[in-house]
Amino acid sequence: MSFQVPPPSSCAIILSYQCSSRCRHCINASSPSWVEWASRRDIDRQFEALAAHSQYLSHLYISGGEPMLKPALTAYAVHRALELDLPLEYVETNAFWCWDEERALEGFIRLKEAGLKKVAISISPFHAEFVPLPHTEIAMDAAQEVFGTNNVILNTAEYFQELFAMEVEDTLELEHYIENKGAEEAALSFASEYELIPNGRAAVALADLFNRQPASAYFGEACEKELSNPYQVRMDHEGNYIPGLCAGIVLGSTHDLSALFAKRDWSDRPLINTLAKGGVEALLAWAKSHYDYQEDVMGYTSKCHLCLDIRRHLVRSGVVLKELKPLPFYDELDPESFIDIH
């Protein structure tokens, strides 16, 4: 079987996975432990490659990690994207750095002077574990002053209003939020309102919030659609081209997008080849027969959870596959961060 990866229709640029937080929902498994960042040369090379294949690209944003850990580099990325006529929409930040108005205004003005028109501020019960709510309030006010009210996205306004109503004055443990809201209601909210993606750290750290089923419940569907989806792909600082829902799986190099988009033979990437042909059913059979994978008797919350658990086993077993990157992503799925609702 062969399939092709089309040029992206929307894309996140990851300058680094380093973040001030270690949120339990994070699809990228970002944290302070990551240290490497894109260089200006990396940004130039990546954006120039993307510009050559941007005929279908309608939406580009800079994310992380936390891009405002290095505001000068982020401003440079904004400038280069716009210089190359890429459709940059916003920079996404968790606002950890907005501990006073002067600093917040300085950071947002720097981005605006680089050409940025819009900013997105992340706020949720996951972010609130690490970012004091007053920082978010300062960020909102400063961003609106710099960019205008209509050019500030709050992800999500509903959670900000909810946390504000709870009179959160600093940070808030996720367990406390769930206890206050109720586990069932919180799980429903995360899945529907927040559109929680069941991959990355969320797949394991939040698994006990959702119903689990045996692996066989997810059989019968190939993953070609997910692997070739042009929506919200990620291009990271290492040059990895990652499909939107499939954190920890690399389709190819952002340094040679022409080769990636022309590729039809995936035999050199057996995990991708297996998923594209037969989905998690085929992946499970392959991992059992070749790498002694054992099903989790507790079951899985989704086919993404099952896929991730298999991939974690392969990495921990020392299996080297070029599609299983970046490797620190798998190290960041630490059981110490799992939610305990019992």
Protein backbone atom coordinates (compact mmCIF):
# COMPACT_ATOMS: atom_id res chain seq x y z
CA MET A 1 0.00 0.00 0.00
CA SER A 2 1.14 3.54 -0.70
CA PHE A 3 -0.15 6.91 0.36
CA GLN A 4 1.03 10.46 -0.09
CA VAL A 5 1.36 13.31 2.36
CA PRO A 6 -0.08 16.50 0.88
CA PRO A 7 1.33 19.97 1.55
CA PRO A 8 -0.10 21.41 4.76
CA SER A 9 -3.25 23.50 4.95
CA SER A 10 -2.43 24.64 8.49
CA CYS A 11 0.81 24.34 10.41
CA ALA A 12 2.29 24.96 13.84
CA ILE A 13 5.92 26.05 14.02
CA ILE A 14 7.61 24.65 17.13
CA LEU A 15 10.73 26.68 17.93
CA SER A 16 11.36 24.43 20.94
CA TYR A 17 9.51 21.99 23.18
CA GLN A 18 10.93 23.79 26.19
CA CYS A 19 8.18 25.28 28.33
CA SER A 20 7.78 26.94 31.69
CA SER A 21 5.05 24.40 32.46
CA ARG A 22 4.58 20.66 32.35
CA CYS A 23 0.86 20.50 31.61
CA ARG A 24 -0.85 17.15 31.84
CA HIS A 25 -2.82 17.67 28.64
CA CYS A 26 0.13 18.61 26.42
CA ILE A 27 0.21 16.73 23.12
CA ASN A 28 3.89 17.68 22.66
CA ALA A 29 4.86 16.62 26.22
CA SER A 30 6.58 19.97 26.63
CA SER A 31 8.35 20.84 29.88
CA PRO A 32 11.30 22.78 31.33
CA SER A 33 13.49 19.71 30.72
CA TRP A 34 13.74 20.32 26.99
CA VAL A 35 16.72 22.57 26.23
CA GLU A 36 17.29 22.77 22.46
CA TRP A 37 15.89 25.57 20.31
CA ALA A 38 15.83 26.39 16.63
CA SER A 39 18.57 28.74 15.49
CA ARG A 40 17.93 31.66 13.16
CA ARG A 41 19.49 29.59 10.41
CA ASP A 42 17.09 26.74 11.21
CA ILE A 43 14.16 29.15 10.99
CA ASP A 44 15.35 30.54 7.65
CA ARG A 45 15.82 27.08 6.18
CA GLN A 46 12.48 25.78 7.41
CA PHE A 47 10.43 28.80 6.38
CA GLU A 48 12.02 28.93 2.94
CA ALA A 49 11.20 25.25 2.41
CA LEU A 50 7.63 25.81 3.58
CA ALA A 51 7.20 28.89 1.37
CA ALA A 52 7.97 26.75 -1.68
CA HIS A 53 4.99 24.53 -0.81
CA SER A 54 2.56 27.05 0.64
CA GLN A 55 0.00 27.06 -2.16
CA TYR A 56 -2.59 25.39 0.11
CA LEU A 57 -1.38 26.85 3.40
CA SER A 58 -4.03 29.10 4.94
CA HIS A 59 -3.04 29.13 8.60
CA LEU A 60 0.35 29.26 10.30
CA TYR A 61 1.11 29.90 13.94
CA ILE A 62 4.11 29.80 16.26
CA SER A 63 3.72 27.60 19.29
CA GLY A 64 5.72 25.35 21.57
CA GLY A 65 6.76 24.71 24.17
CA GLU A 66 6.61 28.34 25.21
CA PRO A 67 7.96 30.64 22.47
CA MET A 68 8.21 33.64 24.81
CA LEU A 69 11.00 31.97 26.75
CA LYS A 70 13.08 33.45 23.91
CA PRO A 71 11.20 36.56 22.79
CA ALA A 72 13.96 37.84 20.48
CA LEU A 73 14.06 34.55 18.57
CA THR A 74 10.28 34.44 18.39
CA ALA A 75 10.18 37.99 17.03
CA TYR A 76 12.73 36.96 14.40
CA ALA A 77 10.53 34.01 13.40
CA VAL A 78 7.55 36.36 13.06
CA HIS A 79 9.59 38.71 10.86
CA ARG A 80 10.87 35.92 8.59
CA ALA A 81 7.46 34.31 8.16
CA LEU A 82 5.91 37.58 7.07
CA GLU A 83 8.90 38.47 4.90
CA LEU A 84 8.30 35.23 2.98
CA ASP A 85 4.54 35.95 2.71
CA LEU A 86 3.61 32.97 4.86
CA PRO A 87 0.10 33.29 6.36
CA LEU A 88 1.21 33.74 9.97
CA GLU A 89 -1.84 34.27 12.14
CA TYR A 90 -0.58 34.42 15.72
CA VAL A 91 1.97 33.49 18.35
CA GLU A 92 0.65 31.29 21.16
CA THR A 93 1.78 31.91 24.74
CA ASN A 94 0.83 30.69 28.21
CA ALA A 95 1.54 34.17 29.70
CA PHE A 96 3.84 32.86 32.46
CA TRP A 97 6.15 35.82 31.77
CA CYS A 98 3.46 38.48 32.32
CA TRP A 99 4.05 39.03 36.02
CA ASP A 100 3.78 42.79 35.67
CA GLU A 101 2.24 45.19 33.17
CA GLU A 102 5.52 46.72 32.01
CA ARG A 103 7.04 43.36 31.11
CA ALA A 104 3.85 42.21 29.38
CA LEU A 105 3.62 45.36 27.27
CA GLU A 106 7.31 45.12 26.35
CA GLY A 107 6.93 41.53 25.14
CA PHE A 108 3.82 42.15 23.07
CA ILE A 109 5.20 45.37 21.58
CA ARG A 110 8.31 43.48 20.46
CA LEU A 111 6.10 40.99 18.58
CA LYS A 112 3.98 43.73 17.05
CA GLU A 113 7.07 45.60 15.85
CA ALA A 114 8.16 42.36 14.13
CA GLY A 115 4.87 42.48 12.21
CA LEU A 116 2.58 40.26 14.27
CA LYS A 117 -1.12 41.14 14.08
CA LYS A 118 -2.63 38.74 16.59
CA VAL A 119 -1.71 36.79 19.72
CA ALA A 120 -3.26 33.75 21.41
CA ILE A 121 -3.17 33.33 25.20
CA SER A 122 -3.64 29.80 26.57
CA ILE A 123 -5.75 29.38 29.70
CA SER A 124 -7.25 26.16 31.04
CA PRO A 125 -7.25 24.11 34.25
CA PHE A 126 -4.10 22.46 32.88
CA HIS A 127 -2.26 25.75 32.40
CA ALA A 128 -3.58 27.08 35.72
CA GLU A 129 -1.52 24.47 37.57
CA PHE A 130 1.61 26.41 36.56
CA VAL A 131 0.62 29.92 35.49
CA PRO A 132 -0.98 32.13 38.15
CA LEU A 133 -4.32 33.46 36.98
CA PRO A 134 -3.27 37.08 37.64
CA HIS A 135 -0.53 36.64 35.01
CA THR A 136 -3.20 35.69 32.50
CA GLU A 137 -5.23 38.76 33.42
CA ILE A 138 -2.20 41.03 32.98
CA ALA A 139 -1.46 39.37 29.63
CA MET A 140 -5.02 39.86 28.41
CA ASP A 141 -5.05 43.56 29.28
CA ALA A 142 -1.59 44.22 27.82
CA ALA A 143 -2.25 42.24 24.63
CA GLN A 144 -5.52 44.08 24.03
CA GLU A 145 -3.75 47.39 24.49
CA VAL A 146 -1.06 46.45 21.97
CA PHE A 147 -3.01 44.46 19.37
CA GLY A 148 -6.61 45.56 19.95
CA THR A 149 -9.42 43.57 21.54
CA ASN A 150 -10.38 41.73 18.37
CA ASN A 151 -6.82 40.50 17.81
CA VAL A 152 -6.42 38.66 21.11
CA ILE A 153 -7.51 35.02 21.23
CA LEU A 154 -8.16 33.50 24.65
CA ASN A 155 -7.97 29.70 24.62
CA THR A 156 -10.38 29.38 26.22
CA ALA A 157 -12.47 32.28 27.48
CA GLU A 158 -14.90 29.84 29.11
CA TYR A 159 -12.20 28.39 31.33
CA PHE A 160 -10.91 31.82 32.26
CA GLN A 161 -14.38 32.84 33.39
CA GLU A 162 -14.79 29.61 35.31
CA LEU A 163 -11.43 29.95 37.11
CA PHE A 164 -12.08 33.61 37.81
CA ALA A 165 -15.44 32.70 39.35
CA MET A 166 -13.63 30.19 41.58
CA GLU A 167 -11.60 33.17 42.89
CA VAL A 168 -8.29 31.57 41.94
CA GLU A 169 -5.61 33.98 43.15
CA ASP A 170 -2.50 32.03 42.16
CA THR A 171 -2.15 28.55 40.63
CA LEU A 172 -4.64 25.72 41.09
CA GLU A 173 -3.95 21.99 41.29
CA LEU A 174 -5.78 20.04 38.62
CA GLU A 175 -7.03 17.57 41.23
CA HIS A 176 -8.67 20.43 43.11
CA TYR A 177 -10.36 21.68 39.95
CA ILE A 178 -11.66 18.20 39.13
CA GLU A 179 -12.86 17.65 42.70
CA ASN A 180 -14.68 20.98 42.60
CA LYS A 181 -16.29 20.35 39.21
CA GLY A 182 -16.79 16.59 39.47
CA ALA A 183 -14.75 14.03 37.57
CA GLU A 184 -17.47 13.14 35.05
CA GLU A 185 -18.30 16.76 34.29
CA ALA A 186 -14.61 17.68 34.03
CA ALA A 187 -13.90 14.82 31.63
CA LEU A 188 -16.86 15.84 29.46
CA SER A 189 -15.69 19.43 29.45
CA PHE A 190 -12.12 18.51 28.49
CA ALA A 191 -13.32 16.30 25.64
CA SER A 192 -16.00 18.60 24.22
CA GLU A 193 -15.26 22.22 25.10
CA TYR A 194 -11.48 21.96 25.12
CA GLU A 195 -11.32 19.34 22.35
CA LEU A 196 -8.67 17.40 24.26
CA ILE A 197 -6.50 15.36 21.91
CA PRO A 198 -5.99 11.83 23.30
CA ASN A 199 -2.30 11.70 22.49
CA GLY A 200 0.92 12.94 24.02
CA ARG A 201 0.90 13.42 27.77
CA ALA A 202 -2.92 13.57 27.87
CA ALA A 203 -3.25 9.98 26.66
CA VAL A 204 -1.49 8.66 29.72
CA ALA A 205 -1.70 11.36 32.39
CA LEU A 206 -5.47 11.81 32.06
CA ALA A 207 -6.43 8.26 31.11
CA ASP A 208 -8.28 7.55 34.36
CA LEU A 209 -10.76 10.32 33.62
CA PHE A 210 -12.15 8.43 30.65
CA ASN A 211 -13.64 5.02 29.96
CA ARG A 212 -11.19 2.34 28.91
CA GLN A 213 -11.87 -0.45 26.46
CA PRO A 214 -9.87 -3.46 25.29
CA ALA A 215 -7.58 -3.02 22.31
CA SER A 216 -10.02 -4.90 20.07
CA ALA A 217 -12.53 -2.06 20.42
CA TYR A 218 -10.31 0.04 18.16
CA PHE A 219 -9.75 -2.51 15.40
CA GLY A 220 -11.02 -2.22 11.85
CA GLU A 221 -9.78 1.19 10.72
CA ALA A 222 -6.50 2.13 9.08
CA CYS A 223 -4.69 5.32 10.12
CA GLU A 224 -3.85 6.63 6.66
CA LYS A 225 -6.31 9.50 7.10
CA GLU A 226 -4.65 10.71 10.31
CA LEU A 227 -1.13 10.30 8.94
CA SER A 228 -1.86 12.23 5.74
CA ASN A 229 -4.12 14.89 7.24
CA PRO A 230 -2.81 18.33 6.12
CA TYR A 231 -4.51 20.11 9.03
CA GLN A 232 -2.44 21.38 11.97
CA VAL A 233 0.75 19.55 11.12
CA ARG A 234 3.78 20.47 13.19
CA MET A 235 7.24 21.41 12.04
CA ASP A 236 9.66 21.39 14.95
CA HIS A 237 13.11 22.79 15.65
CA GLU A 238 14.76 19.44 14.86
CA GLY A 239 13.33 19.43 11.34
CA ASN A 240 10.63 16.85 12.09
CA TYR A 241 7.38 16.90 10.12
CA ILE A 242 4.68 15.57 12.44
CA PRO A 243 1.03 14.86 11.57
CA GLY A 244 -1.39 16.87 13.70
CA LEU A 245 -2.81 14.15 15.94
CA CYS A 246 0.20 11.85 15.94
CA ALA A 247 2.70 13.27 18.42
CA GLY A 248 5.90 11.24 18.52
CA ILE A 249 5.60 10.06 14.90
CA VAL A 250 7.75 11.74 12.24
CA LEU A 251 6.78 11.45 8.59
CA GLY A 252 9.96 13.00 7.26
CA SER A 253 12.28 15.99 7.24
CA THR A 254 11.12 19.58 6.91
CA HIS A 255 14.44 20.25 5.20
CA ASP A 256 13.30 18.32 2.11
CA LEU A 257 9.56 18.81 1.82
CA SER A 258 9.60 18.08 -1.90
CA ALA A 259 10.80 14.53 -1.22
CA LEU A 260 8.29 14.07 1.59
CA PHE A 261 5.30 15.20 -0.48
CA ALA A 262 6.38 12.98 -3.41
CA LYS A 263 6.97 9.90 -1.20
CA ARG A 264 4.79 6.84 -1.87
CA ASP A 265 6.92 3.95 -0.62
CA TRP A 266 6.94 3.78 3.20
CA SER A 267 8.80 0.50 3.59
CA ASP A 268 11.72 2.38 5.16
CA ARG A 269 9.37 3.47 7.99
CA PRO A 270 7.76 0.18 9.09
CA LEU A 271 5.68 1.62 11.92
CA ILE A 272 4.07 4.18 9.61
CA ASN A 273 3.65 1.57 6.91
CA THR A 274 1.92 -0.76 9.35
CA LEU A 275 -0.42 1.94 10.70
CA ALA A 276 -1.34 3.14 7.22
CA LYS A 277 -2.20 -0.38 6.07
CA GLY A 278 -3.99 -1.80 9.06
CA GLY A 279 -4.23 0.76 11.84
CA VAL A 280 -3.70 -0.12 15.48
CA GLU A 281 -4.86 -3.71 14.92
CA ALA A 282 -1.91 -4.34 12.59
CA LEU A 283 0.44 -2.33 14.82
CA LEU A 284 -0.56 -4.40 17.85
CA ALA A 285 0.00 -7.69 16.02
CA TRP A 286 3.39 -6.46 14.74
CA ALA A 287 4.51 -5.28 18.18
CA LYS A 288 3.39 -8.52 19.84
CA SER A 289 5.12 -10.79 17.36
CA HIS A 290 8.36 -8.83 16.97
CA TYR A 291 8.82 -6.91 20.22
CA ASP A 292 6.95 -8.82 22.94
CA TYR A 293 4.36 -6.12 23.57
CA GLN A 294 1.69 -7.07 26.12
CA GLU A 295 -1.74 -5.49 26.17
CA ASP A 296 -2.67 -3.37 29.17
CA VAL A 297 -5.33 -5.29 31.09
CA MET A 298 -6.88 -1.96 32.10
CA GLY A 299 -7.60 -1.15 28.46
CA TYR A 300 -7.24 2.07 26.51
CA THR A 301 -9.23 5.27 26.17
CA SER A 302 -8.78 5.58 22.38
CA LYS A 303 -6.88 4.12 19.47
CA CYS A 304 -4.35 6.95 19.92
CA HIS A 305 -3.78 5.80 23.52
CA LEU A 306 -3.19 2.24 22.31
CA CYS A 307 -0.82 3.41 19.57
CA LEU A 308 1.13 5.57 22.01
CA ASP A 309 1.43 2.77 24.56
CA ILE A 310 2.86 0.47 21.89
CA ARG A 311 5.33 3.14 20.78
CA ARG A 312 6.42 3.79 24.38
CA HIS A 313 7.13 0.07 24.72
CA LEU A 314 9.21 0.07 21.53
CA VAL A 315 11.30 3.03 22.68
CA ARG A 316 11.79 1.59 26.16
CA SER A 317 12.84 -1.72 24.59
CA GLY A 318 15.58 0.01 22.64
CA VAL A 319 13.93 -0.33 19.24
CA VAL A 320 15.39 2.26 16.87
CA LEU A 321 13.00 3.56 14.22
CA LYS A 322 13.52 6.87 12.45
CA GLU A 323 9.82 7.65 12.66
CA LEU A 324 9.87 7.49 16.47
CA LYS A 325 11.09 10.99 17.24
CA PRO A 326 11.87 13.11 19.07
CA LEU A 327 13.00 10.53 21.62
CA PRO A 328 12.76 12.88 24.65
CA PHE A 329 9.03 13.05 23.92
CA TYR A 330 8.73 9.47 25.18
CA ASP A 331 10.87 10.18 28.24
CA GLU A 332 8.47 12.99 29.16
CA LEU A 333 5.49 10.63 29.59
CA ASP A 334 6.22 10.23 33.28
CA PRO A 335 3.73 8.33 35.47
CA GLU A 336 4.45 10.72 38.33
CA SER A 337 2.30 13.29 36.54
CA PHE A 338 -0.73 11.02 36.14
CA ILE A 339 -4.03 12.25 37.51
CA ASP A 340 -5.36 10.37 40.52
CA ILE A 341 -9.11 10.77 40.98
CA HIS A 342 -9.59 7.88 43.40
